Amino acid sequence: MSPATPYSWIGLLAGLLLAIAGAVGGAGAFFGALVLGAVGWAVGAQAEGRIDLVSALSRRSRG
């Protein structure tokens, strides 16, 4: 059963709202909103099973 709104979009919205709530203004707040939005989307996409953060973060280069 899939939710009406995907978790990744809910996570993106939550991250952006947290950034707006904590923003003081200026370029730092803009980049903070981008970072928190991306983190929120990534967590939501992980919860949906669209991406696998564990394997993406644990990859090591072989050489």
Protein backbone atom coordinates (compact mmCIF):
# COMPACT_ATOMS: atom_id res chain seq x y z
CA MET A 1 0.00 0.00 0.00
CA SER A 2 1.61 3.25 -1.08
CA PRO A 3 0.95 6.50 0.74
CA ALA A 4 -0.85 9.36 -0.99
CA THR A 5 2.25 11.55 -0.64
CA PRO A 6 5.65 9.87 -1.03
CA TYR A 7 7.91 9.90 2.01
CA SER A 8 10.66 11.57 0.01
CA TRP A 9 8.46 14.60 -0.65
CA ILE A 10 7.38 14.75 2.99
CA GLY A 11 11.04 14.59 4.01
CA LEU A 12 11.93 17.32 1.54
CA LEU A 13 9.16 19.55 2.87
CA ALA A 14 10.17 18.87 6.48
CA GLY A 15 13.79 19.72 5.75
CA LEU A 16 12.84 22.95 4.01
CA LEU A 17 10.51 23.95 6.84
CA LEU A 18 13.24 23.31 9.41
CA ALA A 19 15.63 25.44 7.37
CA ILE A 20 13.12 28.27 7.13
CA ALA A 21 12.41 28.09 10.86
CA GLY A 22 16.11 28.26 11.72
CA ALA A 23 17.11 30.72 9.03
CA VAL A 24 18.40 34.11 9.98
CA GLY A 25 18.75 35.28 6.40
CA GLY A 26 21.33 35.71 3.69
CA ALA A 27 23.29 33.21 1.62
CA GLY A 28 23.96 30.93 4.59
CA ALA A 29 20.24 30.41 5.14
CA PHE A 30 19.75 29.68 1.44
CA PHE A 31 22.44 27.00 1.40
CA GLY A 32 21.17 25.65 4.72
CA ALA A 33 17.72 25.23 3.19
CA LEU A 34 19.22 23.38 0.22
CA VAL A 35 21.23 21.03 2.44
CA LEU A 36 18.37 20.29 4.85
CA GLY A 37 15.99 19.78 1.94
CA ALA A 38 18.37 17.32 0.32
CA VAL A 39 18.86 15.45 3.60
CA GLY A 40 15.10 15.31 4.13
CA TRP A 41 14.57 13.97 0.63
CA ALA A 42 17.31 11.36 1.08
CA VAL A 43 15.85 10.11 4.36
CA GLY A 44 12.38 9.91 2.84
CA ALA A 45 13.66 8.11 -0.25
CA GLN A 46 15.50 5.65 2.04
CA ALA A 47 12.25 5.02 3.93
CA GLU A 48 10.45 4.37 0.62
CA GLY A 49 13.17 2.02 -0.57
CA ARG A 50 13.97 4.15 -3.63
CA ILE A 51 17.63 4.48 -2.66
CA ASP A 52 19.96 2.57 -0.34
CA LEU A 53 21.97 5.05 1.71
CA VAL A 54 23.80 2.36 3.66
CA SER A 55 25.39 0.82 0.59
CA ALA A 56 26.00 4.23 -1.01
CA LEU A 57 27.82 5.54 2.08
CA SER A 58 29.78 2.34 2.75
CA ARG A 59 31.29 2.00 -0.73
CA ARG A 60 35.04 1.98 -0.81
CA SER A 61 37.15 2.50 -3.86
CA ARG A 62 39.04 -0.56 -4.97
CA GLY A 63 42.33 -0.18 -6.64
